[in-house]
Amino acid sequence: GSNITSNLLHNEIEKSNIYLMENE
């Protein structure tokens, strides 16, 4: 999860969908 945030912040992504694992 932290790596994904790092990716968003580093690449200056303003909007995104995050798909979570089902039934977990």
PDBML (XML) file of the C-alpha atoms, coordinates in Angstrom:
<?xml version="1.0" encoding="UTF-8" ?>
<PDBx:datablock datablockName="MODEL"
   xmlns:PDBx="http://pdbml.pdb.org/schema/pdbx-v50.xsd"
   xmlns:xsi="http://www.w3.org/2001/XMLSchema-instance"
   xsi:schemaLocation="http://pdbml.pdb.org/schema/pdbx-v50.xsd pdbx-v50.xsd">
   <PDBx:atom_siteCategory>
      <PDBx:atom_site id="1">
         <PDBx:B_iso_or_equiv>0.00</PDBx:B_iso_or_equiv>
         <PDBx:Cartn_x>0.000</PDBx:Cartn_x>
         <PDBx:Cartn_y>0.000</PDBx:Cartn_y>
         <PDBx:Cartn_z>0.000</PDBx:Cartn_z>
         <PDBx:auth_asym_id>A</PDBx:auth_asym_id>
         <PDBx:auth_atom_id>CA</PDBx:auth_atom_id>
         <PDBx:auth_comp_id>GLY</PDBx:auth_comp_id>
         <PDBx:auth_seq_id>1</PDBx:auth_seq_id>
         <PDBx:group_PDB>ATOM</PDBx:group_PDB>
         <PDBx:label_alt_id xsi:nil="true" />
         <PDBx:label_asym_id>A</PDBx:label_asym_id>
         <PDBx:label_atom_id>CA</PDBx:label_atom_id>
         <PDBx:label_comp_id>GLY</PDBx:label_comp_id>
         <PDBx:label_entity_id>1</PDBx:label_entity_id>
         <PDBx:label_seq_id>1</PDBx:label_seq_id>
         <PDBx:occupancy>1.00</PDBx:occupancy>
         <PDBx:pdbx_PDB_model_num>1</PDBx:pdbx_PDB_model_num>
         <PDBx:type_symbol>C</PDBx:type_symbol>
      </PDBx:atom_site>
      <PDBx:atom_site id="2">
         <PDBx:B_iso_or_equiv>0.00</PDBx:B_iso_or_equiv>
         <PDBx:Cartn_x>2.823</PDBx:Cartn_x>
         <PDBx:Cartn_y>2.389</PDBx:Cartn_y>
         <PDBx:Cartn_z>0.839</PDBx:Cartn_z>
         <PDBx:auth_asym_id>A</PDBx:auth_asym_id>
         <PDBx:auth_atom_id>CA</PDBx:auth_atom_id>
         <PDBx:auth_comp_id>SER</PDBx:auth_comp_id>
         <PDBx:auth_seq_id>2</PDBx:auth_seq_id>
         <PDBx:group_PDB>ATOM</PDBx:group_PDB>
         <PDBx:label_alt_id xsi:nil="true" />
         <PDBx:label_asym_id>A</PDBx:label_asym_id>
         <PDBx:label_atom_id>CA</PDBx:label_atom_id>
         <PDBx:label_comp_id>SER</PDBx:label_comp_id>
         <PDBx:label_entity_id>1</PDBx:label_entity_id>
         <PDBx:label_seq_id>2</PDBx:label_seq_id>
         <PDBx:occupancy>1.00</PDBx:occupancy>
         <PDBx:pdbx_PDB_model_num>1</PDBx:pdbx_PDB_model_num>
         <PDBx:type_symbol>C</PDBx:type_symbol>
      </PDBx:atom_site>
      <PDBx:atom_site id="3">
         <PDBx:B_iso_or_equiv>0.00</PDBx:B_iso_or_equiv>
         <PDBx:Cartn_x>4.531</PDBx:Cartn_x>
         <PDBx:Cartn_y>1.640</PDBx:Cartn_y>
         <PDBx:Cartn_z>-2.486</PDBx:Cartn_z>
         <PDBx:auth_asym_id>A</PDBx:auth_asym_id>
         <PDBx:auth_atom_id>CA</PDBx:auth_atom_id>
         <PDBx:auth_comp_id>ASN</PDBx:auth_comp_id>
         <PDBx:auth_seq_id>3</PDBx:auth_seq_id>
         <PDBx:group_PDB>ATOM</PDBx:group_PDB>
         <PDBx:label_alt_id xsi:nil="true" />
         <PDBx:label_asym_id>A</PDBx:label_asym_id>
         <PDBx:label_atom_id>CA</PDBx:label_atom_id>
         <PDBx:label_comp_id>ASN</PDBx:label_comp_id>
         <PDBx:label_entity_id>1</PDBx:label_entity_id>
         <PDBx:label_seq_id>3</PDBx:label_seq_id>
         <PDBx:occupancy>1.00</PDBx:occupancy>
         <PDBx:pdbx_PDB_model_num>1</PDBx:pdbx_PDB_model_num>
         <PDBx:type_symbol>C</PDBx:type_symbol>
      </PDBx:atom_site>
      <PDBx:atom_site id="4">
         <PDBx:B_iso_or_equiv>0.00</PDBx:B_iso_or_equiv>
         <PDBx:Cartn_x>1.355</PDBx:Cartn_x>
         <PDBx:Cartn_y>2.506</PDBx:Cartn_y>
         <PDBx:Cartn_z>-4.361</PDBx:Cartn_z>
         <PDBx:auth_asym_id>A</PDBx:auth_asym_id>
         <PDBx:auth_atom_id>CA</PDBx:auth_atom_id>
         <PDBx:auth_comp_id>ILE</PDBx:auth_comp_id>
         <PDBx:auth_seq_id>4</PDBx:auth_seq_id>
         <PDBx:group_PDB>ATOM</PDBx:group_PDB>
         <PDBx:label_alt_id xsi:nil="true" />
         <PDBx:label_asym_id>A</PDBx:label_asym_id>
         <PDBx:label_atom_id>CA</PDBx:label_atom_id>
         <PDBx:label_comp_id>ILE</PDBx:label_comp_id>
         <PDBx:label_entity_id>1</PDBx:label_entity_id>
         <PDBx:label_seq_id>4</PDBx:label_seq_id>
         <PDBx:occupancy>1.00</PDBx:occupancy>
         <PDBx:pdbx_PDB_model_num>1</PDBx:pdbx_PDB_model_num>
         <PDBx:type_symbol>C</PDBx:type_symbol>
      </PDBx:atom_site>
      <PDBx:atom_site id="5">
         <PDBx:B_iso_or_equiv>0.00</PDBx:B_iso_or_equiv>
         <PDBx:Cartn_x>1.105</PDBx:Cartn_x>
         <PDBx:Cartn_y>5.853</PDBx:Cartn_y>
         <PDBx:Cartn_z>-2.561</PDBx:Cartn_z>
         <PDBx:auth_asym_id>A</PDBx:auth_asym_id>
         <PDBx:auth_atom_id>CA</PDBx:auth_atom_id>
         <PDBx:auth_comp_id>THR</PDBx:auth_comp_id>
         <PDBx:auth_seq_id>5</PDBx:auth_seq_id>
         <PDBx:group_PDB>ATOM</PDBx:group_PDB>
         <PDBx:label_alt_id xsi:nil="true" />
         <PDBx:label_asym_id>A</PDBx:label_asym_id>
         <PDBx:label_atom_id>CA</PDBx:label_atom_id>
         <PDBx:label_comp_id>THR</PDBx:label_comp_id>
         <PDBx:label_entity_id>1</PDBx:label_entity_id>
         <PDBx:label_seq_id>5</PDBx:label_seq_id>
         <PDBx:occupancy>1.00</PDBx:occupancy>
         <PDBx:pdbx_PDB_model_num>1</PDBx:pdbx_PDB_model_num>
         <PDBx:type_symbol>C</PDBx:type_symbol>
      </PDBx:atom_site>
      <PDBx:atom_site id="6">
         <PDBx:B_iso_or_equiv>0.00</PDBx:B_iso_or_equiv>
         <PDBx:Cartn_x>4.749</PDBx:Cartn_x>
         <PDBx:Cartn_y>6.502</PDBx:Cartn_y>
         <PDBx:Cartn_z>-3.388</PDBx:Cartn_z>
         <PDBx:auth_asym_id>A</PDBx:auth_asym_id>
         <PDBx:auth_atom_id>CA</PDBx:auth_atom_id>
         <PDBx:auth_comp_id>SER</PDBx:auth_comp_id>
         <PDBx:auth_seq_id>6</PDBx:auth_seq_id>
         <PDBx:group_PDB>ATOM</PDBx:group_PDB>
         <PDBx:label_alt_id xsi:nil="true" />
         <PDBx:label_asym_id>A</PDBx:label_asym_id>
         <PDBx:label_atom_id>CA</PDBx:label_atom_id>
         <PDBx:label_comp_id>SER</PDBx:label_comp_id>
         <PDBx:label_entity_id>1</PDBx:label_entity_id>
         <PDBx:label_seq_id>6</PDBx:label_seq_id>
         <PDBx:occupancy>1.00</PDBx:occupancy>
         <PDBx:pdbx_PDB_model_num>1</PDBx:pdbx_PDB_model_num>
         <PDBx:type_symbol>C</PDBx:type_symbol>
      </PDBx:atom_site>
      <PDBx:atom_site id="7">
         <PDBx:B_iso_or_equiv>0.00</PDBx:B_iso_or_equiv>
         <PDBx:Cartn_x>3.965</PDBx:Cartn_x>
         <PDBx:Cartn_y>5.801</PDBx:Cartn_y>
         <PDBx:Cartn_z>-7.048</PDBx:Cartn_z>
         <PDBx:auth_asym_id>A</PDBx:auth_asym_id>
         <PDBx:auth_atom_id>CA</PDBx:auth_atom_id>
         <PDBx:auth_comp_id>ASN</PDBx:auth_comp_id>
         <PDBx:auth_seq_id>7</PDBx:auth_seq_id>
         <PDBx:group_PDB>ATOM</PDBx:group_PDB>
         <PDBx:label_alt_id xsi:nil="true" />
         <PDBx:label_asym_id>A</PDBx:label_asym_id>
         <PDBx:label_atom_id>CA</PDBx:label_atom_id>
         <PDBx:label_comp_id>ASN</PDBx:label_comp_id>
         <PDBx:label_entity_id>1</PDBx:label_entity_id>
         <PDBx:label_seq_id>7</PDBx:label_seq_id>
         <PDBx:occupancy>1.00</PDBx:occupancy>
         <PDBx:pdbx_PDB_model_num>1</PDBx:pdbx_PDB_model_num>
         <PDBx:type_symbol>C</PDBx:type_symbol>
      </PDBx:atom_site>
      <PDBx:atom_site id="8">
         <PDBx:B_iso_or_equiv>0.00</PDBx:B_iso_or_equiv>
         <PDBx:Cartn_x>1.003</PDBx:Cartn_x>
         <PDBx:Cartn_y>8.222</PDBx:Cartn_y>
         <PDBx:Cartn_z>-6.954</PDBx:Cartn_z>
         <PDBx:auth_asym_id>A</PDBx:auth_asym_id>
         <PDBx:auth_atom_id>CA</PDBx:auth_atom_id>
         <PDBx:auth_comp_id>LEU</PDBx:auth_comp_id>
         <PDBx:auth_seq_id>8</PDBx:auth_seq_id>
         <PDBx:group_PDB>ATOM</PDBx:group_PDB>
         <PDBx:label_alt_id xsi:nil="true" />
         <PDBx:label_asym_id>A</PDBx:label_asym_id>
         <PDBx:label_atom_id>CA</PDBx:label_atom_id>
         <PDBx:label_comp_id>LEU</PDBx:label_comp_id>
         <PDBx:label_entity_id>1</PDBx:label_entity_id>
         <PDBx:label_seq_id>8</PDBx:label_seq_id>
         <PDBx:occupancy>1.00</PDBx:occupancy>
         <PDBx:pdbx_PDB_model_num>1</PDBx:pdbx_PDB_model_num>
         <PDBx:type_symbol>C</PDBx:type_symbol>
      </PDBx:atom_site>
      <PDBx:atom_site id="9">
         <PDBx:B_iso_or_equiv>0.00</PDBx:B_iso_or_equiv>
         <PDBx:Cartn_x>3.014</PDBx:Cartn_x>
         <PDBx:Cartn_y>10.977</PDBx:Cartn_y>
         <PDBx:Cartn_z>-5.290</PDBx:Cartn_z>
         <PDBx:auth_asym_id>A</PDBx:auth_asym_id>
         <PDBx:auth_atom_id>CA</PDBx:auth_atom_id>
         <PDBx:auth_comp_id>LEU</PDBx:auth_comp_id>
         <PDBx:auth_seq_id>9</PDBx:auth_seq_id>
         <PDBx:group_PDB>ATOM</PDBx:group_PDB>
         <PDBx:label_alt_id xsi:nil="true" />
         <PDBx:label_asym_id>A</PDBx:label_asym_id>
         <PDBx:label_atom_id>CA</PDBx:label_atom_id>
         <PDBx:label_comp_id>LEU</PDBx:label_comp_id>
         <PDBx:label_entity_id>1</PDBx:label_entity_id>
         <PDBx:label_seq_id>9</PDBx:label_seq_id>
         <PDBx:occupancy>1.00</PDBx:occupancy>
         <PDBx:pdbx_PDB_model_num>1</PDBx:pdbx_PDB_model_num>
         <PDBx:type_symbol>C</PDBx:type_symbol>
      </PDBx:atom_site>
      <PDBx:atom_site id="10">
         <PDBx:B_iso_or_equiv>0.00</PDBx:B_iso_or_equiv>
         <PDBx:Cartn_x>6.156</PDBx:Cartn_x>
         <PDBx:Cartn_y>10.516</PDBx:Cartn_y>
         <PDBx:Cartn_z>-7.367</PDBx:Cartn_z>
         <PDBx:auth_asym_id>A</PDBx:auth_asym_id>
         <PDBx:auth_atom_id>CA</PDBx:auth_atom_id>
         <PDBx:auth_comp_id>HIS</PDBx:auth_comp_id>
         <PDBx:auth_seq_id>10</PDBx:auth_seq_id>
         <PDBx:group_PDB>ATOM</PDBx:group_PDB>
         <PDBx:label_alt_id xsi:nil="true" />
         <PDBx:label_asym_id>A</PDBx:label_asym_id>
         <PDBx:label_atom_id>CA</PDBx:label_atom_id>
         <PDBx:label_comp_id>HIS</PDBx:label_comp_id>
         <PDBx:label_entity_id>1</PDBx:label_entity_id>
         <PDBx:label_seq_id>10</PDBx:label_seq_id>
         <PDBx:occupancy>1.00</PDBx:occupancy>
         <PDBx:pdbx_PDB_model_num>1</PDBx:pdbx_PDB_model_num>
         <PDBx:type_symbol>C</PDBx:type_symbol>
      </PDBx:atom_site>
      <PDBx:atom_site id="11">
         <PDBx:B_iso_or_equiv>0.00</PDBx:B_iso_or_equiv>
         <PDBx:Cartn_x>4.252</PDBx:Cartn_x>
         <PDBx:Cartn_y>10.527</PDBx:Cartn_y>
         <PDBx:Cartn_z>-10.669</PDBx:Cartn_z>
         <PDBx:auth_asym_id>A</PDBx:auth_asym_id>
         <PDBx:auth_atom_id>CA</PDBx:auth_atom_id>
         <PDBx:auth_comp_id>ASN</PDBx:auth_comp_id>
         <PDBx:auth_seq_id>11</PDBx:auth_seq_id>
         <PDBx:group_PDB>ATOM</PDBx:group_PDB>
         <PDBx:label_alt_id xsi:nil="true" />
         <PDBx:label_asym_id>A</PDBx:label_asym_id>
         <PDBx:label_atom_id>CA</PDBx:label_atom_id>
         <PDBx:label_comp_id>ASN</PDBx:label_comp_id>
         <PDBx:label_entity_id>1</PDBx:label_entity_id>
         <PDBx:label_seq_id>11</PDBx:label_seq_id>
         <PDBx:occupancy>1.00</PDBx:occupancy>
         <PDBx:pdbx_PDB_model_num>1</PDBx:pdbx_PDB_model_num>
         <PDBx:type_symbol>C</PDBx:type_symbol>
      </PDBx:atom_site>
      <PDBx:atom_site id="12">
         <PDBx:B_iso_or_equiv>0.00</PDBx:B_iso_or_equiv>
         <PDBx:Cartn_x>1.958</PDBx:Cartn_x>
         <PDBx:Cartn_y>13.363</PDBx:Cartn_y>
         <PDBx:Cartn_z>-9.525</PDBx:Cartn_z>
         <PDBx:auth_asym_id>A</PDBx:auth_asym_id>
         <PDBx:auth_atom_id>CA</PDBx:auth_atom_id>
         <PDBx:auth_comp_id>GLU</PDBx:auth_comp_id>
         <PDBx:auth_seq_id>12</PDBx:auth_seq_id>
         <PDBx:group_PDB>ATOM</PDBx:group_PDB>
         <PDBx:label_alt_id xsi:nil="true" />
         <PDBx:label_asym_id>A</PDBx:label_asym_id>
         <PDBx:label_atom_id>CA</PDBx:label_atom_id>
         <PDBx:label_comp_id>GLU</PDBx:label_comp_id>
         <PDBx:label_entity_id>1</PDBx:label_entity_id>
         <PDBx:label_seq_id>12</PDBx:label_seq_id>
         <PDBx:occupancy>1.00</PDBx:occupancy>
         <PDBx:pdbx_PDB_model_num>1</PDBx:pdbx_PDB_model_num>
         <PDBx:type_symbol>C</PDBx:type_symbol>
      </PDBx:atom_site>
      <PDBx:atom_site id="13">
         <PDBx:B_iso_or_equiv>0.00</PDBx:B_iso_or_equiv>
         <PDBx:Cartn_x>-1.176</PDBx:Cartn_x>
         <PDBx:Cartn_y>11.351</PDBx:Cartn_y>
         <PDBx:Cartn_z>-10.219</PDBx:Cartn_z>
         <PDBx:auth_asym_id>A</PDBx:auth_asym_id>
         <PDBx:auth_atom_id>CA</PDBx:auth_atom_id>
         <PDBx:auth_comp_id>ILE</PDBx:auth_comp_id>
         <PDBx:auth_seq_id>13</PDBx:auth_seq_id>
         <PDBx:group_PDB>ATOM</PDBx:group_PDB>
         <PDBx:label_alt_id xsi:nil="true" />
         <PDBx:label_asym_id>A</PDBx:label_asym_id>
         <PDBx:label_atom_id>CA</PDBx:label_atom_id>
         <PDBx:label_comp_id>ILE</PDBx:label_comp_id>
         <PDBx:label_entity_id>1</PDBx:label_entity_id>
         <PDBx:label_seq_id>13</PDBx:label_seq_id>
         <PDBx:occupancy>1.00</PDBx:occupancy>
         <PDBx:pdbx_PDB_model_num>1</PDBx:pdbx_PDB_model_num>
         <PDBx:type_symbol>C</PDBx:type_symbol>
      </PDBx:atom_site>
      <PDBx:atom_site id="14">
         <PDBx:B_iso_or_equiv>0.00</PDBx:B_iso_or_equiv>
         <PDBx:Cartn_x>-4.174</PDBx:Cartn_x>
         <PDBx:Cartn_y>13.442</PDBx:Cartn_y>
         <PDBx:Cartn_z>-9.138</PDBx:Cartn_z>
         <PDBx:auth_asym_id>A</PDBx:auth_asym_id>
         <PDBx:auth_atom_id>CA</PDBx:auth_atom_id>
         <PDBx:auth_comp_id>GLU</PDBx:auth_comp_id>
         <PDBx:auth_seq_id>14</PDBx:auth_seq_id>
         <PDBx:group_PDB>ATOM</PDBx:group_PDB>
         <PDBx:label_alt_id xsi:nil="true" />
         <PDBx:label_asym_id>A</PDBx:label_asym_id>
         <PDBx:label_atom_id>CA</PDBx:label_atom_id>
         <PDBx:label_comp_id>GLU</PDBx:label_comp_id>
         <PDBx:label_entity_id>1</PDBx:label_entity_id>
         <PDBx:label_seq_id>14</PDBx:label_seq_id>
         <PDBx:occupancy>1.00</PDBx:occupancy>
         <PDBx:pdbx_PDB_model_num>1</PDBx:pdbx_PDB_model_num>
         <PDBx:type_symbol>C</PDBx:type_symbol>
      </PDBx:atom_site>
      <PDBx:atom_site id="15">
         <PDBx:B_iso_or_equiv>0.00</PDBx:B_iso_or_equiv>
         <PDBx:Cartn_x>-7.016</PDBx:Cartn_x>
         <PDBx:Cartn_y>10.922</PDBx:Cartn_y>
         <PDBx:Cartn_z>-9.644</PDBx:Cartn_z>
         <PDBx:auth_asym_id>A</PDBx:auth_asym_id>
         <PDBx:auth_atom_id>CA</PDBx:auth_atom_id>
         <PDBx:auth_comp_id>LYS</PDBx:auth_comp_id>
         <PDBx:auth_seq_id>15</PDBx:auth_seq_id>
         <PDBx:group_PDB>ATOM</PDBx:group_PDB>
         <PDBx:label_alt_id xsi:nil="true" />
         <PDBx:label_asym_id>A</PDBx:label_asym_id>
         <PDBx:label_atom_id>CA</PDBx:label_atom_id>
         <PDBx:label_comp_id>LYS</PDBx:label_comp_id>
         <PDBx:label_entity_id>1</PDBx:label_entity_id>
         <PDBx:label_seq_id>15</PDBx:label_seq_id>
         <PDBx:occupancy>1.00</PDBx:occupancy>
         <PDBx:pdbx_PDB_model_num>1</PDBx:pdbx_PDB_model_num>
         <PDBx:type_symbol>C</PDBx:type_symbol>
      </PDBx:atom_site>
      <PDBx:atom_site id="16">
         <PDBx:B_iso_or_equiv>0.00</PDBx:B_iso_or_equiv>
         <PDBx:Cartn_x>-7.069</PDBx:Cartn_x>
         <PDBx:Cartn_y>7.153</PDBx:Cartn_y>
         <PDBx:Cartn_z>-9.640</PDBx:Cartn_z>
         <PDBx:auth_asym_id>A</PDBx:auth_asym_id>
         <PDBx:auth_atom_id>CA</PDBx:auth_atom_id>
         <PDBx:auth_comp_id>SER</PDBx:auth_comp_id>
         <PDBx:auth_seq_id>16</PDBx:auth_seq_id>
         <PDBx:group_PDB>ATOM</PDBx:group_PDB>
         <PDBx:label_alt_id xsi:nil="true" />
         <PDBx:label_asym_id>A</PDBx:label_asym_id>
         <PDBx:label_atom_id>CA</PDBx:label_atom_id>
         <PDBx:label_comp_id>SER</PDBx:label_comp_id>
         <PDBx:label_entity_id>1</PDBx:label_entity_id>
         <PDBx:label_seq_id>16</PDBx:label_seq_id>
         <PDBx:occupancy>1.00</PDBx:occupancy>
         <PDBx:pdbx_PDB_model_num>1</PDBx:pdbx_PDB_model_num>
         <PDBx:type_symbol>C</PDBx:type_symbol>
      </PDBx:atom_site>
      <PDBx:atom_site id="17">
         <PDBx:B_iso_or_equiv>0.00</PDBx:B_iso_or_equiv>
         <PDBx:Cartn_x>-9.150</PDBx:Cartn_x>
         <PDBx:Cartn_y>4.044</PDBx:Cartn_y>
         <PDBx:Cartn_z>-9.090</PDBx:Cartn_z>
         <PDBx:auth_asym_id>A</PDBx:auth_asym_id>
         <PDBx:auth_atom_id>CA</PDBx:auth_atom_id>
         <PDBx:auth_comp_id>ASN</PDBx:auth_comp_id>
         <PDBx:auth_seq_id>17</PDBx:auth_seq_id>
         <PDBx:group_PDB>ATOM</PDBx:group_PDB>
         <PDBx:label_alt_id xsi:nil="true" />
         <PDBx:label_asym_id>A</PDBx:label_asym_id>
         <PDBx:label_atom_id>CA</PDBx:label_atom_id>
         <PDBx:label_comp_id>ASN</PDBx:label_comp_id>
         <PDBx:label_entity_id>1</PDBx:label_entity_id>
         <PDBx:label_seq_id>17</PDBx:label_seq_id>
         <PDBx:occupancy>1.00</PDBx:occupancy>
         <PDBx:pdbx_PDB_model_num>1</PDBx:pdbx_PDB_model_num>
         <PDBx:type_symbol>C</PDBx:type_symbol>
      </PDBx:atom_site>
      <PDBx:atom_site id="18">
         <PDBx:B_iso_or_equiv>0.00</PDBx:B_iso_or_equiv>
         <PDBx:Cartn_x>-7.763</PDBx:Cartn_x>
         <PDBx:Cartn_y>1.450</PDBx:Cartn_y>
         <PDBx:Cartn_z>-6.689</PDBx:Cartn_z>
         <PDBx:auth_asym_id>A</PDBx:auth_asym_id>
         <PDBx:auth_atom_id>CA</PDBx:auth_atom_id>
         <PDBx:auth_comp_id>ILE</PDBx:auth_comp_id>
         <PDBx:auth_seq_id>18</PDBx:auth_seq_id>
         <PDBx:group_PDB>ATOM</PDBx:group_PDB>
         <PDBx:label_alt_id xsi:nil="true" />
         <PDBx:label_asym_id>A</PDBx:label_asym_id>
         <PDBx:label_atom_id>CA</PDBx:label_atom_id>
         <PDBx:label_comp_id>ILE</PDBx:label_comp_id>
         <PDBx:label_entity_id>1</PDBx:label_entity_id>
         <PDBx:label_seq_id>18</PDBx:label_seq_id>
         <PDBx:occupancy>1.00</PDBx:occupancy>
         <PDBx:pdbx_PDB_model_num>1</PDBx:pdbx_PDB_model_num>
         <PDBx:type_symbol>C</PDBx:type_symbol>
      </PDBx:atom_site>
      <PDBx:atom_site id="19">
         <PDBx:B_iso_or_equiv>0.00</PDBx:B_iso_or_equiv>
         <PDBx:Cartn_x>-9.225</PDBx:Cartn_x>
         <PDBx:Cartn_y>-2.013</PDBx:Cartn_y>
         <PDBx:Cartn_z>-6.988</PDBx:Cartn_z>
         <PDBx:auth_asym_id>A</PDBx:auth_asym_id>
         <PDBx:auth_atom_id>CA</PDBx:auth_atom_id>
         <PDBx:auth_comp_id>TYR</PDBx:auth_comp_id>
         <PDBx:auth_seq_id>19</PDBx:auth_seq_id>
         <PDBx:group_PDB>ATOM</PDBx:group_PDB>
         <PDBx:label_alt_id xsi:nil="true" />
         <PDBx:label_asym_id>A</PDBx:label_asym_id>
         <PDBx:label_atom_id>CA</PDBx:label_atom_id>
         <PDBx:label_comp_id>TYR</PDBx:label_comp_id>
         <PDBx:label_entity_id>1</PDBx:label_entity_id>
         <PDBx:label_seq_id>19</PDBx:label_seq_id>
         <PDBx:occupancy>1.00</PDBx:occupancy>
         <PDBx:pdbx_PDB_model_num>1</PDBx:pdbx_PDB_model_num>
         <PDBx:type_symbol>C</PDBx:type_symbol>
      </PDBx:atom_site>
      <PDBx:atom_site id="20">
         <PDBx:B_iso_or_equiv>0.00</PDBx:B_iso_or_equiv>
         <PDBx:Cartn_x>-9.114</PDBx:Cartn_x>
         <PDBx:Cartn_y>-3.982</PDBx:Cartn_y>
         <PDBx:Cartn_z>-3.727</PDBx:Cartn_z>
         <PDBx:auth_asym_id>A</PDBx:auth_asym_id>
         <PDBx:auth_atom_id>CA</PDBx:auth_atom_id>
         <PDBx:auth_comp_id>LEU</PDBx:auth_comp_id>
         <PDBx:auth_seq_id>20</PDBx:auth_seq_id>
         <PDBx:group_PDB>ATOM</PDBx:group_PDB>
         <PDBx:label_alt_id xsi:nil="true" />
         <PDBx:label_asym_id>A</PDBx:label_asym_id>
         <PDBx:label_atom_id>CA</PDBx:label_atom_id>
         <PDBx:label_comp_id>LEU</PDBx:label_comp_id>
         <PDBx:label_entity_id>1</PDBx:label_entity_id>
         <PDBx:label_seq_id>20</PDBx:label_seq_id>
         <PDBx:occupancy>1.00</PDBx:occupancy>
         <PDBx:pdbx_PDB_model_num>1</PDBx:pdbx_PDB_model_num>
         <PDBx:type_symbol>C</PDBx:type_symbol>
      </PDBx:atom_site>
      <PDBx:atom_site id="21">
         <PDBx:B_iso_or_equiv>0.00</PDBx:B_iso_or_equiv>
         <PDBx:Cartn_x>-8.942</PDBx:Cartn_x>
         <PDBx:Cartn_y>-7.757</PDBx:Cartn_y>
         <PDBx:Cartn_z>-3.417</PDBx:Cartn_z>
         <PDBx:auth_asym_id>A</PDBx:auth_asym_id>
         <PDBx:auth_atom_id>CA</PDBx:auth_atom_id>
         <PDBx:auth_comp_id>MET</PDBx:auth_comp_id>
         <PDBx:auth_seq_id>21</PDBx:auth_seq_id>
         <PDBx:group_PDB>ATOM</PDBx:group_PDB>
         <PDBx:label_alt_id xsi:nil="true" />
         <PDBx:label_asym_id>A</PDBx:label_asym_id>
         <PDBx:label_atom_id>CA</PDBx:label_atom_id>
         <PDBx:label_comp_id>MET</PDBx:label_comp_id>
         <PDBx:label_entity_id>1</PDBx:label_entity_id>
         <PDBx:label_seq_id>21</PDBx:label_seq_id>
         <PDBx:occupancy>1.00</PDBx:occupancy>
         <PDBx:pdbx_PDB_model_num>1</PDBx:pdbx_PDB_model_num>
         <PDBx:type_symbol>C</PDBx:type_symbol>
      </PDBx:atom_site>
      <PDBx:atom_site id="22">
         <PDBx:B_iso_or_equiv>0.00</PDBx:B_iso_or_equiv>
         <PDBx:Cartn_x>-12.342</PDBx:Cartn_x>
         <PDBx:Cartn_y>-9.395</PDBx:Cartn_y>
         <PDBx:Cartn_z>-3.144</PDBx:Cartn_z>
         <PDBx:auth_asym_id>A</PDBx:auth_asym_id>
         <PDBx:auth_atom_id>CA</PDBx:auth_atom_id>
         <PDBx:auth_comp_id>GLU</PDBx:auth_comp_id>
         <PDBx:auth_seq_id>22</PDBx:auth_seq_id>
         <PDBx:group_PDB>ATOM</PDBx:group_PDB>
         <PDBx:label_alt_id xsi:nil="true" />
         <PDBx:label_asym_id>A</PDBx:label_asym_id>
         <PDBx:label_atom_id>CA</PDBx:label_atom_id>
         <PDBx:label_comp_id>GLU</PDBx:label_comp_id>
         <PDBx:label_entity_id>1</PDBx:label_entity_id>
         <PDBx:label_seq_id>22</PDBx:label_seq_id>
         <PDBx:occupancy>1.00</PDBx:occupancy>
         <PDBx:pdbx_PDB_model_num>1</PDBx:pdbx_PDB_model_num>
         <PDBx:type_symbol>C</PDBx:type_symbol>
      </PDBx:atom_site>
      <PDBx:atom_site id="23">
         <PDBx:B_iso_or_equiv>0.00</PDBx:B_iso_or_equiv>
         <PDBx:Cartn_x>-13.488</PDBx:Cartn_x>
         <PDBx:Cartn_y>-10.838</PDBx:Cartn_y>
         <PDBx:Cartn_z>0.202</PDBx:Cartn_z>
         <PDBx:auth_asym_id>A</PDBx:auth_asym_id>
         <PDBx:auth_atom_id>CA</PDBx:auth_atom_id>
         <PDBx:auth_comp_id>ASN</PDBx:auth_comp_id>
         <PDBx:auth_seq_id>23</PDBx:auth_seq_id>
         <PDBx:group_PDB>ATOM</PDBx:group_PDB>
         <PDBx:label_alt_id xsi:nil="true" />
         <PDBx:label_asym_id>A</PDBx:label_asym_id>
         <PDBx:label_atom_id>CA</PDBx:label_atom_id>
         <PDBx:label_comp_id>ASN</PDBx:label_comp_id>
         <PDBx:label_entity_id>1</PDBx:label_entity_id>
         <PDBx:label_seq_id>23</PDBx:label_seq_id>
         <PDBx:occupancy>1.00</PDBx:occupancy>
         <PDBx:pdbx_PDB_model_num>1</PDBx:pdbx_PDB_model_num>
         <PDBx:type_symbol>C</PDBx:type_symbol>
      </PDBx:atom_site>
      <PDBx:atom_site id="24">
         <PDBx:B_iso_or_equiv>0.00</PDBx:B_iso_or_equiv>
         <PDBx:Cartn_x>-10.250</PDBx:Cartn_x>
         <PDBx:Cartn_y>-9.954</PDBx:Cartn_y>
         <PDBx:Cartn_z>1.996</PDBx:Cartn_z>
         <PDBx:auth_asym_id>A</PDBx:auth_asym_id>
         <PDBx:auth_atom_id>CA</PDBx:auth_atom_id>
         <PDBx:auth_comp_id>GLU</PDBx:auth_comp_id>
         <PDBx:auth_seq_id>24</PDBx:auth_seq_id>
         <PDBx:group_PDB>ATOM</PDBx:group_PDB>
         <PDBx:label_alt_id xsi:nil="true" />
         <PDBx:label_asym_id>A</PDBx:label_asym_id>
         <PDBx:label_atom_id>CA</PDBx:label_atom_id>
         <PDBx:label_comp_id>GLU</PDBx:label_comp_id>
         <PDBx:label_entity_id>1</PDBx:label_entity_id>
         <PDBx:label_seq_id>24</PDBx:label_seq_id>
         <PDBx:occupancy>1.00</PDBx:occupancy>
         <PDBx:pdbx_PDB_model_num>1</PDBx:pdbx_PDB_model_num>
         <PDBx:type_symbol>C</PDBx:type_symbol>
      </PDBx:atom_site>
   </PDBx:atom_siteCategory>
</PDBx:datablock>
